[in-house]
Amino acid sequence: MSCSVEQEGITEMSGSEVARLRQQIELELEAMRRGLFGISAGTARHAFIHARMERVGACQDVLASHVGEPEAAQVVCHLYTQTMERDTSHEATS
């Protein structure tokens, strides 16, 4: 998956690594949202969204190794809610 990191030094939390993981999660969720509300349909749409959720899960696992599982779950939940609640009306006209 795209969120793998080296196991060396994992006990020392890197602020930039946590920020990178948060950004990657947000990008995957945004792609998932666009797939969900986009024109595509059927099995391909489901496979696309499923793949994005798998990547989010992989990023969440790595993030949990830095900040702990409860915090990682909270971050992903917050980013998911924030991403899914974005206004999509401007995208329909783009």
N, C-alpha and C. Protein backbone atom coordinates (compact mmCIF):
# COMPACT_ATOMS: atom_id res chain seq x y z
N MET A 1 0.84 -1.19 0.00
CA MET A 1 0.00 0.00 0.00
C MET A 1 0.88 1.25 0.00
N SER A 2 0.30 2.35 -0.29
CA SER A 2 1.06 3.59 -0.45
C SER A 2 1.47 4.25 0.86
N CYS A 3 1.05 3.72 1.98
CA CYS A 3 1.34 4.37 3.25
C CYS A 3 2.37 3.63 4.08
N SER A 4 3.13 2.75 3.47
CA SER A 4 4.13 2.03 4.25
C SER A 4 5.28 2.96 4.60
N VAL A 5 5.84 2.74 5.77
CA VAL A 5 7.01 3.50 6.20
C VAL A 5 8.03 2.53 6.75
N GLU A 6 9.26 2.97 6.83
CA GLU A 6 10.29 2.14 7.42
C GLU A 6 10.01 1.95 8.89
N GLN A 7 10.26 0.74 9.40
CA GLN A 7 10.02 0.45 10.80
C GLN A 7 11.08 1.07 11.70
N GLU A 8 12.24 1.41 11.14
CA GLU A 8 13.29 2.05 11.93
C GLU A 8 12.83 3.40 12.43
N GLY A 9 13.03 3.66 13.71
CA GLY A 9 12.72 4.97 14.27
C GLY A 9 11.24 5.24 14.42
N ILE A 10 10.44 4.19 14.36
CA ILE A 10 8.99 4.40 14.43
C ILE A 10 8.54 4.86 15.81
N THR A 11 9.36 4.60 16.84
CA THR A 11 8.97 5.02 18.19
C THR A 11 9.09 6.53 18.37
N GLU A 12 9.92 7.16 17.57
CA GLU A 12 10.03 8.62 17.63
C GLU A 12 9.06 9.21 16.62
N MET A 13 8.03 9.87 17.12
CA MET A 13 7.02 10.43 16.24
C MET A 13 7.60 11.58 15.43
N SER A 14 7.40 11.51 14.15
CA SER A 14 7.84 12.56 13.26
C SER A 14 6.63 13.39 12.88
N GLY A 15 6.65 14.65 13.26
CA GLY A 15 5.54 15.54 12.92
C GLY A 15 5.29 15.61 11.43
N SER A 16 6.36 15.60 10.64
CA SER A 16 6.18 15.68 9.19
C SER A 16 5.58 14.38 8.65
N GLU A 17 5.91 13.24 9.24
CA GLU A 17 5.33 11.97 8.80
C GLU A 17 3.85 11.93 9.13
N VAL A 18 3.48 12.39 10.30
CA VAL A 18 2.06 12.44 10.68
C VAL A 18 1.31 13.38 9.74
N ALA A 19 1.89 14.52 9.43
CA ALA A 19 1.27 15.47 8.50
C ALA A 19 1.13 14.85 7.11
N ARG A 20 2.14 14.11 6.67
CA ARG A 20 2.09 13.45 5.37
C ARG A 20 0.98 12.41 5.34
N LEU A 21 0.86 11.64 6.42
CA LEU A 21 -0.18 10.63 6.49
C LEU A 21 -1.57 11.26 6.48
N ARG A 22 -1.74 12.34 7.24
CA ARG A 22 -3.03 13.04 7.24
C ARG A 22 -3.37 13.54 5.84
N GLN A 23 -2.38 14.08 5.14
CA GLN A 23 -2.62 14.58 3.79
C GLN A 23 -2.97 13.43 2.85
N GLN A 24 -2.27 12.29 2.97
CA GLN A 24 -2.56 11.15 2.12
C GLN A 24 -3.97 10.62 2.38
N ILE A 25 -4.36 10.56 3.64
CA ILE A 25 -5.72 10.11 3.98
C ILE A 25 -6.74 11.06 3.37
N GLU A 26 -6.50 12.35 3.50
CA GLU A 26 -7.43 13.33 2.94
C GLU A 26 -7.53 13.20 1.41
N LEU A 27 -6.41 12.97 0.74
CA LEU A 27 -6.43 12.81 -0.71
C LEU A 27 -7.21 11.56 -1.12
N GLU A 28 -7.02 10.46 -0.39
CA GLU A 28 -7.75 9.23 -0.69
C GLU A 28 -9.25 9.42 -0.47
N LEU A 29 -9.60 10.09 0.62
CA LEU A 29 -11.01 10.34 0.89
C LEU A 29 -11.63 11.26 -0.16
N GLU A 30 -10.88 12.24 -0.60
CA GLU A 30 -11.39 13.15 -1.63
C GLU A 30 -11.61 12.37 -2.93
N ALA A 31 -10.68 11.50 -3.29
CA ALA A 31 -10.86 10.68 -4.49
C ALA A 31 -12.08 9.77 -4.34
N MET A 32 -12.25 9.23 -3.14
CA MET A 32 -13.40 8.38 -2.88
C MET A 32 -14.70 9.17 -3.01
N ARG A 33 -14.72 10.38 -2.46
CA ARG A 33 -15.92 11.22 -2.55
C ARG A 33 -16.25 11.54 -4.00
N ARG A 34 -15.24 11.86 -4.77
CA ARG A 34 -15.48 12.16 -6.19
C ARG A 34 -16.00 10.93 -6.92
N GLY A 35 -15.48 9.76 -6.56
CA GLY A 35 -15.98 8.53 -7.15
C GLY A 35 -17.41 8.25 -6.75
N LEU A 36 -17.73 8.56 -5.52
CA LEU A 36 -19.07 8.32 -5.00
C LEU A 36 -20.10 9.23 -5.65
N PHE A 37 -19.76 10.49 -5.83
CA PHE A 37 -20.70 11.45 -6.37
C PHE A 37 -20.49 11.75 -7.85
N GLY A 38 -19.53 11.08 -8.47
CA GLY A 38 -19.22 11.32 -9.88
C GLY A 38 -20.16 10.58 -10.81
N ILE A 39 -19.83 10.63 -12.07
CA ILE A 39 -20.68 10.06 -13.11
C ILE A 39 -20.53 8.54 -13.22
N SER A 40 -19.39 7.99 -12.82
CA SER A 40 -19.17 6.55 -12.97
C SER A 40 -20.23 5.75 -12.23
N ALA A 41 -20.39 4.50 -12.64
CA ALA A 41 -21.44 3.68 -12.02
C ALA A 41 -21.03 2.21 -11.97
N GLY A 42 -21.80 1.45 -11.22
CA GLY A 42 -21.68 0.01 -11.22
C GLY A 42 -20.47 -0.53 -10.50
N THR A 43 -20.01 -1.69 -10.97
CA THR A 43 -18.93 -2.43 -10.33
C THR A 43 -17.63 -1.65 -10.31
N ALA A 44 -17.31 -0.95 -11.39
CA ALA A 44 -16.08 -0.17 -11.44
C ALA A 44 -16.08 0.90 -10.36
N ARG A 45 -17.19 1.53 -10.15
CA ARG A 45 -17.33 2.56 -9.12
C ARG A 45 -17.11 1.96 -7.74
N HIS A 46 -17.73 0.82 -7.49
CA HIS A 46 -17.56 0.15 -6.20
C HIS A 46 -16.10 -0.24 -5.99
N ALA A 47 -15.46 -0.79 -6.99
CA ALA A 47 -14.06 -1.21 -6.88
C ALA A 47 -13.16 -0.01 -6.60
N PHE A 48 -13.44 1.11 -7.24
CA PHE A 48 -12.65 2.32 -7.04
C PHE A 48 -12.76 2.80 -5.60
N ILE A 49 -13.99 2.88 -5.10
CA ILE A 49 -14.23 3.34 -3.73
C ILE A 49 -13.62 2.37 -2.73
N HIS A 50 -13.78 1.08 -2.99
CA HIS A 50 -13.21 0.07 -2.09
C HIS A 50 -11.69 0.19 -2.02
N ALA A 51 -11.05 0.40 -3.16
CA ALA A 51 -9.59 0.56 -3.19
C ALA A 51 -9.16 1.79 -2.38
N ARG A 52 -9.90 2.86 -2.47
CA ARG A 52 -9.57 4.07 -1.70
C ARG A 52 -9.72 3.81 -0.21
N MET A 53 -10.77 3.10 0.18
CA MET A 53 -10.96 2.80 1.60
C MET A 53 -9.85 1.88 2.12
N GLU A 54 -9.39 0.96 1.29
CA GLU A 54 -8.26 0.10 1.68
C GLU A 54 -7.02 0.94 1.93
N ARG A 55 -6.77 1.91 1.06
CA ARG A 55 -5.61 2.79 1.23
C ARG A 55 -5.74 3.65 2.48
N VAL A 56 -6.95 4.14 2.74
CA VAL A 56 -7.18 4.92 3.96
C VAL A 56 -6.87 4.03 5.17
N GLY A 57 -7.33 2.79 5.14
CA GLY A 57 -7.06 1.87 6.23
C GLY A 57 -5.58 1.62 6.45
N ALA A 58 -4.83 1.49 5.35
CA ALA A 58 -3.39 1.30 5.46
C ALA A 58 -2.72 2.53 6.08
N CYS A 59 -3.14 3.70 5.65
CA CYS A 59 -2.60 4.94 6.22
C CYS A 59 -2.97 5.06 7.70
N GLN A 60 -4.19 4.68 8.04
CA GLN A 60 -4.63 4.73 9.43
C GLN A 60 -3.78 3.81 10.29
N ASP A 61 -3.44 2.64 9.79
CA ASP A 61 -2.58 1.71 10.53
C ASP A 61 -1.21 2.32 10.81
N VAL A 62 -0.64 2.96 9.80
CA VAL A 62 0.68 3.58 9.99
C VAL A 62 0.56 4.76 10.94
N LEU A 63 -0.47 5.56 10.77
CA LEU A 63 -0.70 6.70 11.66
C LEU A 63 -0.84 6.23 13.11
N ALA A 64 -1.54 5.12 13.31
CA ALA A 64 -1.73 4.57 14.66
C ALA A 64 -0.39 4.20 15.30
N SER A 65 0.57 3.79 14.50
CA SER A 65 1.89 3.46 15.06
C SER A 65 2.61 4.71 15.56
N HIS A 66 2.18 5.87 15.10
CA HIS A 66 2.77 7.14 15.54
C HIS A 66 2.01 7.78 16.70
N VAL A 67 0.68 7.74 16.62
CA VAL A 67 -0.12 8.50 17.60
C VAL A 67 -1.05 7.62 18.44
N GLY A 68 -1.11 6.33 18.16
CA GLY A 68 -2.00 5.43 18.88
C GLY A 68 -3.29 5.22 18.10
N GLU A 69 -3.91 4.06 18.33
CA GLU A 69 -5.12 3.71 17.58
C GLU A 69 -6.29 4.65 17.81
N PRO A 70 -6.58 5.03 19.06
CA PRO A 70 -7.73 5.92 19.26
C PRO A 70 -7.57 7.26 18.53
N GLU A 71 -6.39 7.85 18.62
CA GLU A 71 -6.15 9.13 17.95
C GLU A 71 -6.22 8.98 16.43
N ALA A 72 -5.65 7.89 15.90
CA ALA A 72 -5.68 7.66 14.45
C ALA A 72 -7.13 7.50 13.97
N ALA A 73 -7.93 6.76 14.72
CA ALA A 73 -9.33 6.59 14.36
C ALA A 73 -10.07 7.92 14.38
N GLN A 74 -9.77 8.73 15.37
CA GLN A 74 -10.41 10.04 15.48
C GLN A 74 -10.01 10.94 14.30
N VAL A 75 -8.75 10.91 13.92
CA VAL A 75 -8.27 11.71 12.79
C VAL A 75 -8.99 11.29 11.51
N VAL A 76 -9.04 9.98 11.26
CA VAL A 76 -9.68 9.49 10.04
C VAL A 76 -11.17 9.82 10.04
N CYS A 77 -11.82 9.66 11.17
CA CYS A 77 -13.25 9.99 11.27
C CYS A 77 -13.48 11.47 10.98
N HIS A 78 -12.65 12.33 11.55
CA HIS A 78 -12.77 13.77 11.33
C HIS A 78 -12.55 14.11 9.85
N LEU A 79 -11.50 13.55 9.26
CA LEU A 79 -11.21 13.84 7.86
C LEU A 79 -12.31 13.30 6.95
N TYR A 80 -12.84 12.13 7.27
CA TYR A 80 -13.92 11.55 6.48
C TYR A 80 -15.14 12.47 6.51
N THR A 81 -15.54 12.88 7.71
CA THR A 81 -16.70 13.75 7.85
C THR A 81 -16.49 15.07 7.13
N GLN A 82 -15.33 15.67 7.33
CA GLN A 82 -15.00 16.95 6.69
C GLN A 82 -15.03 16.81 5.17
N THR A 83 -14.47 15.74 4.65
CA THR A 83 -14.41 15.54 3.20
C THR A 83 -15.78 15.27 2.61
N MET A 84 -16.56 14.42 3.25
CA MET A 84 -17.86 14.05 2.70
C MET A 84 -18.89 15.17 2.80
N GLU A 85 -18.67 16.11 3.71
CA GLU A 85 -19.61 17.22 3.87
C GLU A 85 -19.28 18.42 2.99
N ARG A 86 -18.21 18.33 2.22
CA ARG A 86 -17.85 19.45 1.34
C ARG A 86 -18.95 19.65 0.31
N ASP A 87 -19.14 20.90 -0.05
CA ASP A 87 -20.15 21.27 -1.05
C ASP A 87 -19.70 20.75 -2.42
N THR A 88 -20.55 20.01 -3.05
CA THR A 88 -20.23 19.46 -4.37
C THR A 88 -20.90 20.23 -5.51
N SER A 89 -21.67 21.25 -5.19
CA SER A 89 -22.42 21.96 -6.24
C SER A 89 -21.50 22.62 -7.26
N HIS A 90 -20.34 23.12 -6.83
CA HIS A 90 -19.43 23.76 -7.77
C HIS A 90 -18.75 22.75 -8.68
N GLU A 91 -18.65 21.49 -8.27
CA GLU A 91 -18.02 20.47 -9.09
C GLU A 91 -18.91 20.03 -10.25
N ALA A 92 -20.20 20.11 -10.06
CA ALA A 92 -21.12 19.70 -11.11
C ALA A 92 -21.04 20.62 -12.32
N THR A 93 -20.65 21.86 -12.10
CA THR A 93 -20.57 22.82 -13.19
C THR A 93 -19.18 22.93 -13.77
N SER A 94 -18.20 22.30 -13.14
CA SER A 94 -16.82 22.38 -13.63
C SER A 94 -16.58 21.45 -14.79
